[in-house]
Amino acid sequence: MPKTSCACPAYKYSALLLLDSSLLPSPWSLAVTMPGLLAKNASKKGSKKAVKIRKEDDESARDAAKTSISIYKLLKQIHPQAGITTEAMSIMNAFVNDTFDRVANEAFRLAHCNRRASITSKEIQTAVRLLLPEELAEKAVSECQRPLAKHKRSK
């Protein structure tokens, strides 16, 4: 059996939740029932109260939908004739979210080591250079420097 890149069971569970929520037409159309999320009286026999979903679950479904739209637009810019299946899109969502989490965590560690309260573009840039392979990191940094310079000029 192949080993996963992350041994954390919470990551596996969040990836499964992401896979299920990305198949929905709208984040509001499904009530997800998980242990610990049920309303207090919902577990009693004969209770007719609706199961409440945490706000975080709704937000993650909306974020997955936004990420899917961005990935689809990028795909159409590069290969206009290509399409993507729902399963492939959910894998891409998981990949993007995982990469974002890794960069954010590394940037947090860098800010903490430098005794800074805020994560700046410098920490993000350093985190990208540490986490991504050399060529990909250089490309990512160069692509982000233009909008960053434009933002600094506008201030």
N, C-alpha and C. Protein backbone atom coordinates (compact mmCIF):
# COMPACT_ATOMS: atom_id res chain seq x y z
N MET A 1 0.84 -1.17 0.00
CA MET A 1 0.00 0.00 0.00
C MET A 1 0.89 1.24 0.00
N PRO A 2 0.66 2.22 -0.91
CA PRO A 2 1.52 3.39 -0.96
C PRO A 2 1.29 4.30 0.24
N LYS A 3 2.38 4.91 0.69
CA LYS A 3 2.29 5.83 1.81
C LYS A 3 1.79 7.18 1.32
N THR A 4 1.01 7.85 2.15
CA THR A 4 0.56 9.19 1.81
C THR A 4 1.63 10.18 2.24
N SER A 5 1.59 11.37 1.63
CA SER A 5 2.60 12.37 1.93
C SER A 5 2.39 12.98 3.31
N CYS A 6 1.20 12.89 3.84
CA CYS A 6 0.90 13.47 5.15
C CYS A 6 0.28 12.39 6.03
N ALA A 7 0.89 12.16 7.18
CA ALA A 7 0.40 11.11 8.07
C ALA A 7 -0.74 11.59 8.95
N CYS A 8 -1.10 12.83 8.85
CA CYS A 8 -2.13 13.41 9.70
C CYS A 8 -3.52 12.93 9.26
N PRO A 9 -4.27 12.23 10.12
CA PRO A 9 -5.59 11.76 9.72
C PRO A 9 -6.57 12.90 9.48
N ALA A 10 -6.35 14.04 10.11
CA ALA A 10 -7.24 15.18 9.90
C ALA A 10 -7.14 15.67 8.46
N TYR A 11 -5.93 15.63 7.88
CA TYR A 11 -5.76 16.05 6.49
C TYR A 11 -6.52 15.10 5.57
N LYS A 12 -6.41 13.80 5.82
CA LYS A 12 -7.13 12.84 4.99
C LYS A 12 -8.63 13.09 5.06
N TYR A 13 -9.13 13.35 6.28
CA TYR A 13 -10.55 13.59 6.45
C TYR A 13 -10.98 14.87 5.75
N SER A 14 -10.16 15.92 5.86
CA SER A 14 -10.53 17.18 5.21
C SER A 14 -10.48 17.02 3.69
N ALA A 15 -9.56 16.19 3.18
CA ALA A 15 -9.51 15.96 1.75
C ALA A 15 -10.77 15.21 1.29
N LEU A 16 -11.23 14.25 2.10
CA LEU A 16 -12.47 13.53 1.75
C LEU A 16 -13.66 14.46 1.79
N LEU A 17 -13.71 15.34 2.78
CA LEU A 17 -14.80 16.31 2.86
C LEU A 17 -14.76 17.22 1.65
N LEU A 18 -13.54 17.60 1.24
CA LEU A 18 -13.39 18.47 0.08
C LEU A 18 -13.88 17.74 -1.17
N LEU A 19 -13.54 16.46 -1.30
CA LEU A 19 -13.98 15.70 -2.45
C LEU A 19 -15.51 15.65 -2.51
N ASP A 20 -16.15 15.37 -1.37
CA ASP A 20 -17.60 15.28 -1.34
C ASP A 20 -18.25 16.63 -1.60
N SER A 21 -17.72 17.70 -1.00
CA SER A 21 -18.36 19.01 -1.13
C SER A 21 -18.17 19.61 -2.51
N SER A 22 -17.12 19.19 -3.23
CA SER A 22 -16.90 19.77 -4.56
C SER A 22 -17.89 19.22 -5.59
N LEU A 23 -18.56 18.12 -5.27
CA LEU A 23 -19.52 17.54 -6.20
C LEU A 23 -20.89 18.21 -6.11
N LEU A 24 -21.06 19.06 -5.12
CA LEU A 24 -22.35 19.69 -4.90
C LEU A 24 -22.56 20.87 -5.84
N PRO A 25 -23.79 21.09 -6.28
CA PRO A 25 -24.06 22.27 -7.10
C PRO A 25 -23.98 23.54 -6.29
N SER A 26 -24.27 23.48 -5.02
CA SER A 26 -24.22 24.65 -4.16
C SER A 26 -23.84 24.20 -2.76
N PRO A 27 -23.06 25.00 -2.03
CA PRO A 27 -22.64 24.57 -0.70
C PRO A 27 -23.79 24.48 0.29
N TRP A 28 -24.96 25.03 -0.04
CA TRP A 28 -26.08 25.03 0.89
C TRP A 28 -27.00 23.82 0.70
N SER A 29 -26.76 22.99 -0.31
CA SER A 29 -27.74 21.96 -0.65
C SER A 29 -27.57 20.65 0.10
N LEU A 30 -26.57 20.51 0.95
CA LEU A 30 -26.36 19.24 1.64
C LEU A 30 -25.99 19.49 3.09
N ALA A 31 -26.61 18.75 3.98
CA ALA A 31 -26.24 18.81 5.39
C ALA A 31 -25.29 17.65 5.66
N VAL A 32 -24.09 17.97 6.06
CA VAL A 32 -23.08 16.96 6.34
C VAL A 32 -23.18 16.59 7.81
N THR A 33 -23.34 15.31 8.08
CA THR A 33 -23.40 14.88 9.47
C THR A 33 -22.11 14.19 9.81
N MET A 34 -21.44 14.71 10.82
CA MET A 34 -20.19 14.14 11.30
C MET A 34 -20.25 14.07 12.82
N PRO A 35 -19.48 13.19 13.44
CA PRO A 35 -19.47 13.12 14.90
C PRO A 35 -19.04 14.46 15.49
N GLY A 36 -19.76 14.91 16.49
CA GLY A 36 -19.39 16.15 17.16
C GLY A 36 -20.05 17.38 16.57
N LEU A 37 -20.65 17.28 15.40
CA LEU A 37 -21.27 18.43 14.78
C LEU A 37 -22.78 18.45 14.95
N LEU A 38 -23.34 17.40 15.47
CA LEU A 38 -24.78 17.33 15.63
C LEU A 38 -25.24 18.30 16.72
N ALA A 39 -26.43 18.82 16.52
CA ALA A 39 -27.01 19.67 17.55
C ALA A 39 -27.23 18.83 18.80
N LYS A 40 -27.30 19.46 19.96
CA LYS A 40 -27.37 18.75 21.22
C LYS A 40 -28.58 17.81 21.29
N ASN A 41 -29.74 18.26 20.82
CA ASN A 41 -30.96 17.46 20.91
C ASN A 41 -31.20 16.59 19.68
N ALA A 42 -30.37 16.68 18.67
CA ALA A 42 -30.60 15.94 17.44
C ALA A 42 -30.38 14.45 17.62
N SER A 43 -29.60 14.06 18.63
CA SER A 43 -29.34 12.64 18.81
C SER A 43 -30.43 11.93 19.60
N LYS A 44 -31.33 12.68 20.23
CA LYS A 44 -32.42 12.07 20.99
C LYS A 44 -33.44 11.43 20.05
N LYS A 45 -34.04 10.36 20.51
CA LYS A 45 -35.02 9.64 19.71
C LYS A 45 -36.26 10.51 19.50
N GLY A 46 -36.71 10.61 18.27
CA GLY A 46 -37.90 11.37 17.97
C GLY A 46 -37.66 12.86 17.82
N SER A 47 -36.44 13.28 17.92
CA SER A 47 -36.16 14.71 17.80
C SER A 47 -36.29 15.13 16.34
N LYS A 48 -36.93 16.26 16.10
CA LYS A 48 -37.15 16.72 14.74
C LYS A 48 -36.32 17.96 14.42
N LYS A 49 -35.34 18.27 15.27
CA LYS A 49 -34.50 19.42 15.00
C LYS A 49 -33.56 19.11 13.85
N ALA A 50 -33.28 20.12 13.06
CA ALA A 50 -32.37 19.95 11.92
C ALA A 50 -30.93 19.89 12.43
N VAL A 51 -30.12 19.17 11.70
CA VAL A 51 -28.70 19.10 12.01
C VAL A 51 -28.05 20.38 11.52
N LYS A 52 -27.29 21.01 12.39
CA LYS A 52 -26.64 22.26 12.02
C LYS A 52 -25.23 21.98 11.54
N ILE A 53 -24.82 22.70 10.54
CA ILE A 53 -23.47 22.59 10.01
C ILE A 53 -22.68 23.77 10.55
N ARG A 54 -21.44 23.50 10.93
CA ARG A 54 -20.60 24.60 11.39
C ARG A 54 -20.35 25.57 10.25
N LYS A 55 -20.14 26.81 10.60
CA LYS A 55 -19.88 27.86 9.61
C LYS A 55 -18.63 27.53 8.80
N GLU A 56 -17.64 26.88 9.45
CA GLU A 56 -16.40 26.54 8.77
C GLU A 56 -16.65 25.61 7.59
N ASP A 57 -17.59 24.67 7.73
CA ASP A 57 -17.89 23.73 6.66
C ASP A 57 -18.46 24.45 5.45
N ASP A 58 -19.35 25.41 5.70
CA ASP A 58 -19.90 26.20 4.60
C ASP A 58 -18.81 27.00 3.91
N GLU A 59 -17.92 27.59 4.71
CA GLU A 59 -16.84 28.40 4.14
C GLU A 59 -15.88 27.54 3.32
N SER A 60 -15.58 26.33 3.79
CA SER A 60 -14.66 25.47 3.04
C SER A 60 -15.29 25.05 1.72
N ALA A 61 -16.60 24.82 1.70
CA ALA A 61 -17.27 24.46 0.46
C ALA A 61 -17.25 25.63 -0.52
N ARG A 62 -17.47 26.85 0.01
CA ARG A 62 -17.43 28.03 -0.86
C ARG A 62 -16.02 28.26 -1.38
N ASP A 63 -15.01 28.06 -0.51
CA ASP A 63 -13.63 28.23 -0.95
C ASP A 63 -13.26 27.21 -2.02
N ALA A 64 -13.76 25.97 -1.86
CA ALA A 64 -13.50 24.94 -2.86
C ALA A 64 -14.12 25.32 -4.20
N ALA A 65 -15.31 25.90 -4.15
CA ALA A 65 -15.97 26.33 -5.39
C ALA A 65 -15.19 27.47 -6.04
N LYS A 66 -14.72 28.41 -5.25
CA LYS A 66 -13.94 29.53 -5.80
C LYS A 66 -12.63 29.02 -6.40
N THR A 67 -11.98 28.09 -5.71
CA THR A 67 -10.74 27.52 -6.22
C THR A 67 -11.00 26.78 -7.53
N SER A 68 -12.10 26.05 -7.60
CA SER A 68 -12.44 25.31 -8.82
C SER A 68 -12.61 26.25 -10.01
N ILE A 69 -13.27 27.37 -9.77
CA ILE A 69 -13.47 28.34 -10.84
C ILE A 69 -12.12 28.89 -11.32
N SER A 70 -11.25 29.20 -10.38
CA SER A 70 -9.92 29.73 -10.74
C SER A 70 -9.11 28.71 -11.52
N ILE A 71 -9.15 27.46 -11.08
CA ILE A 71 -8.41 26.40 -11.78
C ILE A 71 -8.97 26.22 -13.19
N TYR A 72 -10.29 26.24 -13.32
CA TYR A 72 -10.92 26.07 -14.62
C TYR A 72 -10.55 27.21 -15.57
N LYS A 73 -10.57 28.46 -15.07
CA LYS A 73 -10.20 29.60 -15.91
C LYS A 73 -8.75 29.51 -16.36
N LEU A 74 -7.86 29.09 -15.46
CA LEU A 74 -6.45 28.93 -15.80
C LEU A 74 -6.26 27.83 -16.84
N LEU A 75 -6.98 26.74 -16.69
CA LEU A 75 -6.91 25.65 -17.67
C LEU A 75 -7.34 26.14 -19.05
N LYS A 76 -8.41 26.92 -19.10
CA LYS A 76 -8.91 27.43 -20.38
C LYS A 76 -7.95 28.44 -21.01
N GLN A 77 -7.17 29.17 -20.20
CA GLN A 77 -6.16 30.08 -20.75
C GLN A 77 -5.03 29.31 -21.40
N ILE A 78 -4.64 28.21 -20.78
CA ILE A 78 -3.50 27.44 -21.28
C ILE A 78 -3.92 26.49 -22.40
N HIS A 79 -4.99 25.73 -22.18
CA HIS A 79 -5.50 24.77 -23.16
C HIS A 79 -6.99 25.00 -23.36
N PRO A 80 -7.39 25.89 -24.28
CA PRO A 80 -8.81 26.21 -24.45
C PRO A 80 -9.69 25.02 -24.82
N GLN A 81 -9.15 24.02 -25.49
CA GLN A 81 -9.95 22.88 -25.93
C GLN A 81 -10.06 21.80 -24.86
N ALA A 82 -9.27 21.87 -23.79
CA ALA A 82 -9.26 20.82 -22.77
C ALA A 82 -10.37 21.01 -21.74
N GLY A 83 -10.78 19.90 -21.16
CA GLY A 83 -11.77 19.92 -20.08
C GLY A 83 -11.18 19.23 -18.86
N ILE A 84 -11.94 19.20 -17.77
CA ILE A 84 -11.48 18.55 -16.55
C ILE A 84 -12.67 17.89 -15.87
N THR A 85 -12.46 16.67 -15.39
CA THR A 85 -13.54 15.94 -14.72
C THR A 85 -13.70 16.45 -13.29
N THR A 86 -14.80 16.12 -12.68
CA THR A 86 -15.07 16.53 -11.31
C THR A 86 -14.05 15.92 -10.35
N GLU A 87 -13.71 14.66 -10.59
CA GLU A 87 -12.73 13.99 -9.73
C GLU A 87 -11.36 14.65 -9.85
N ALA A 88 -10.96 14.98 -11.08
CA ALA A 88 -9.67 15.66 -11.28
C ALA A 88 -9.69 17.04 -10.64
N MET A 89 -10.83 17.72 -10.71
CA MET A 89 -10.94 19.05 -10.10
C MET A 89 -10.82 18.95 -8.59
N SER A 90 -11.40 17.92 -7.99
CA SER A 90 -11.30 17.77 -6.54
C SER A 90 -9.87 17.46 -6.12
N ILE A 91 -9.14 16.71 -6.94
CA ILE A 91 -7.73 16.44 -6.67
C ILE A 91 -6.92 17.73 -6.76
N MET A 92 -7.22 18.54 -7.77
CA MET A 92 -6.53 19.83 -7.90
C MET A 92 -6.85 20.74 -6.72
N ASN A 93 -8.10 20.74 -6.26
CA ASN A 93 -8.48 21.53 -5.08
C ASN A 93 -7.67 21.10 -3.86
N ALA A 94 -7.56 19.79 -3.66
CA ALA A 94 -6.81 19.28 -2.52
C ALA A 94 -5.34 19.67 -2.63
N PHE A 95 -4.79 19.60 -3.84
CA PHE A 95 -3.39 19.97 -4.06
C PHE A 95 -3.16 21.44 -3.77
N VAL A 96 -4.02 22.31 -4.27
CA VAL A 96 -3.88 23.76 -4.06
C VAL A 96 -4.02 24.09 -2.58
N ASN A 97 -5.00 23.51 -1.92
CA ASN A 97 -5.20 23.79 -0.50
C ASN A 97 -4.03 23.28 0.34
N ASP A 98 -3.50 22.11 0.00
CA ASP A 98 -2.36 21.56 0.72
C ASP A 98 -1.14 22.44 0.55
N THR A 99 -0.89 22.89 -0.68
CA THR A 99 0.26 23.76 -0.95
C THR A 99 0.11 25.09 -0.21
N PHE A 100 -1.10 25.64 -0.23
CA PHE A 100 -1.35 26.88 0.50
C PHE A 100 -1.08 26.71 1.99
N ASP A 101 -1.56 25.62 2.57
CA ASP A 101 -1.34 25.36 3.99
C ASP A 101 0.14 25.23 4.31
N ARG A 102 0.88 24.54 3.46
CA ARG A 102 2.31 24.37 3.69
C ARG A 102 3.05 25.70 3.64
N VAL A 103 2.74 26.52 2.64
CA VAL A 103 3.39 27.83 2.52
C VAL A 103 3.02 28.71 3.70
N ALA A 104 1.75 28.72 4.08
CA ALA A 104 1.31 29.54 5.21
C ALA A 104 1.98 29.11 6.51
N ASN A 105 2.07 27.80 6.74
CA ASN A 105 2.71 27.30 7.96
C ASN A 105 4.19 27.65 7.99
N GLU A 106 4.86 27.49 6.87
CA GLU A 106 6.29 27.82 6.81
C GLU A 106 6.50 29.32 7.00
N ALA A 107 5.65 30.14 6.41
CA ALA A 107 5.75 31.59 6.58
C ALA A 107 5.50 31.97 8.04
N PHE A 108 4.57 31.30 8.69
CA PHE A 108 4.32 31.55 10.11
C PHE A 108 5.55 31.22 10.93
N ARG A 109 6.17 30.07 10.64
CA ARG A 109 7.38 29.68 11.37
C ARG A 109 8.50 30.70 11.17
N LEU A 110 8.66 31.18 9.94
CA LEU A 110 9.69 32.18 9.66
C LEU A 110 9.42 33.47 10.42
N ALA A 111 8.17 33.92 10.43
CA ALA A 111 7.82 35.14 11.16
C ALA A 111 8.05 34.95 12.65
N HIS A 112 7.70 33.78 13.15
CA HIS A 112 7.88 33.49 14.57
C HIS A 112 9.37 33.46 14.94
N CYS A 113 10.19 32.86 14.09
CA CYS A 113 11.63 32.80 14.35
C CYS A 113 12.27 34.19 14.33
N ASN A 114 11.74 35.06 13.49
CA ASN A 114 12.27 36.42 13.40
C ASN A 114 11.58 37.38 14.38
N ARG A 115 10.76 36.82 15.27
CA ARG A 115 10.02 37.59 16.29
C ARG A 115 9.18 38.71 15.68
N ARG A 116 8.46 38.35 14.63
CA ARG A 116 7.56 39.30 13.99
C ARG A 116 6.12 38.86 14.24
N ALA A 117 5.24 39.84 14.38
CA ALA A 117 3.85 39.52 14.66
C ALA A 117 3.05 39.29 13.38
N SER A 118 3.53 39.80 12.26
CA SER A 118 2.80 39.69 10.99
C SER A 118 3.62 38.93 9.96
N ILE A 119 2.88 38.25 9.09
CA ILE A 119 3.51 37.58 7.95
C ILE A 119 3.52 38.59 6.80
N THR A 120 4.70 38.88 6.29
CA THR A 120 4.82 39.82 5.18
C THR A 120 5.11 39.06 3.90
N SER A 121 5.21 39.81 2.80
CA SER A 121 5.52 39.18 1.52
C SER A 121 6.90 38.55 1.54
N LYS A 122 7.79 39.08 2.35
CA LYS A 122 9.14 38.52 2.45
C LYS A 122 9.10 37.10 3.02
N GLU A 123 8.29 36.88 4.06
CA GLU A 123 8.17 35.53 4.63
C GLU A 123 7.52 34.56 3.65
N ILE A 124 6.50 35.04 2.92
CA ILE A 124 5.84 34.19 1.92
C ILE A 124 6.84 33.80 0.84
N GLN A 125 7.60 34.77 0.37
CA GLN A 125 8.58 34.53 -0.68
C GLN A 125 9.63 33.52 -0.22
N THR A 126 10.12 33.67 1.00
CA THR A 126 11.11 32.74 1.54
C THR A 126 10.51 31.35 1.71
N ALA A 127 9.26 31.27 2.17
CA ALA A 127 8.59 29.98 2.34
C ALA A 127 8.43 29.27 1.00
N VAL A 128 8.08 30.01 -0.04
CA VAL A 128 7.95 29.43 -1.37
C VAL A 128 9.29 28.88 -1.85
N ARG A 129 10.35 29.66 -1.62
CA ARG A 129 11.69 29.21 -2.04
C ARG A 129 12.14 27.98 -1.27
N LEU A 130 11.71 27.85 -0.03
CA LEU A 130 12.09 26.68 0.77
C LEU A 130 11.29 25.43 0.39
N LEU A 131 10.02 25.61 0.04
CA LEU A 131 9.15 24.46 -0.16
C LEU A 131 9.12 23.93 -1.59
N LEU A 132 9.21 24.81 -2.57
CA LEU A 132 9.08 24.38 -3.96
C LEU A 132 10.45 24.07 -4.57
N PRO A 133 10.47 23.24 -5.60
CA PRO A 133 11.73 23.00 -6.31
C PRO A 133 12.26 24.30 -6.92
N GLU A 134 13.56 24.33 -7.18
CA GLU A 134 14.26 25.56 -7.55
C GLU A 134 13.62 26.32 -8.72
N GLU A 135 13.41 25.64 -9.85
CA GLU A 135 12.86 26.32 -11.03
C GLU A 135 11.43 26.81 -10.79
N LEU A 136 10.63 25.99 -10.16
CA LEU A 136 9.25 26.36 -9.88
C LEU A 136 9.17 27.51 -8.89
N ALA A 137 10.06 27.50 -7.89
CA ALA A 137 10.10 28.59 -6.90
C ALA A 137 10.48 29.90 -7.57
N GLU A 138 11.48 29.87 -8.44
CA GLU A 138 11.90 31.09 -9.13
C GLU A 138 10.77 31.64 -10.00
N LYS A 139 10.06 30.76 -10.69
CA LYS A 139 8.93 31.18 -11.52
C LYS A 139 7.82 31.79 -10.66
N ALA A 140 7.52 31.15 -9.55
CA ALA A 140 6.46 31.65 -8.66
C ALA A 140 6.83 33.01 -8.09
N VAL A 141 8.07 33.17 -7.68
CA VAL A 141 8.52 34.44 -7.11
C VAL A 141 8.48 35.54 -8.16
N SER A 142 8.95 35.25 -9.37
CA SER A 142 8.96 36.27 -10.42
C SER A 142 7.54 36.66 -10.83
N GLU A 143 6.60 35.68 -10.84
CA GLU A 143 5.21 35.99 -11.18
C GLU A 143 4.55 36.85 -10.12
N CYS A 144 4.96 36.70 -8.88
CA CYS A 144 4.34 37.45 -7.79
C CYS A 144 4.98 38.81 -7.56
N GLN A 145 6.18 39.01 -8.06
CA GLN A 145 6.85 40.29 -7.82
C GLN A 145 6.21 41.43 -8.60
N ARG A 146 5.71 41.14 -9.80
CA ARG A 146 5.07 42.21 -10.59
C ARG A 146 3.82 42.78 -9.91
N PRO A 147 2.85 41.96 -9.50
CA PRO A 147 1.68 42.53 -8.81
C PRO A 147 2.05 43.19 -7.48
N LEU A 148 3.06 42.63 -6.79
CA LEU A 148 3.47 43.21 -5.54
C LEU A 148 4.07 44.60 -5.74
N ALA A 149 4.89 44.76 -6.79
CA ALA A 149 5.46 46.07 -7.10
C ALA A 149 4.37 47.05 -7.49
N LYS A 150 3.40 46.58 -8.26
CA LYS A 150 2.28 47.44 -8.65
C LYS A 150 1.48 47.88 -7.43
N HIS A 151 1.28 46.98 -6.49
CA HIS A 151 0.55 47.30 -5.26
C HIS A 151 1.31 48.35 -4.44
N LYS A 152 2.62 48.18 -4.33
CA LYS A 152 3.44 49.12 -3.55
C LYS A 152 3.45 50.49 -4.20
N ARG A 153 3.44 50.55 -5.55
CA ARG A 153 3.42 51.83 -6.25
C ARG A 153 2.10 52.57 -6.03
N SER A 154 1.01 51.82 -5.92
CA SER A 154 -0.30 52.45 -5.78
C SER A 154 -0.52 53.06 -4.41
N LYS A 155 0.28 52.68 -3.42
CA LYS A 155 0.12 53.22 -2.06
C LYS A 155 0.69 54.58 -1.93
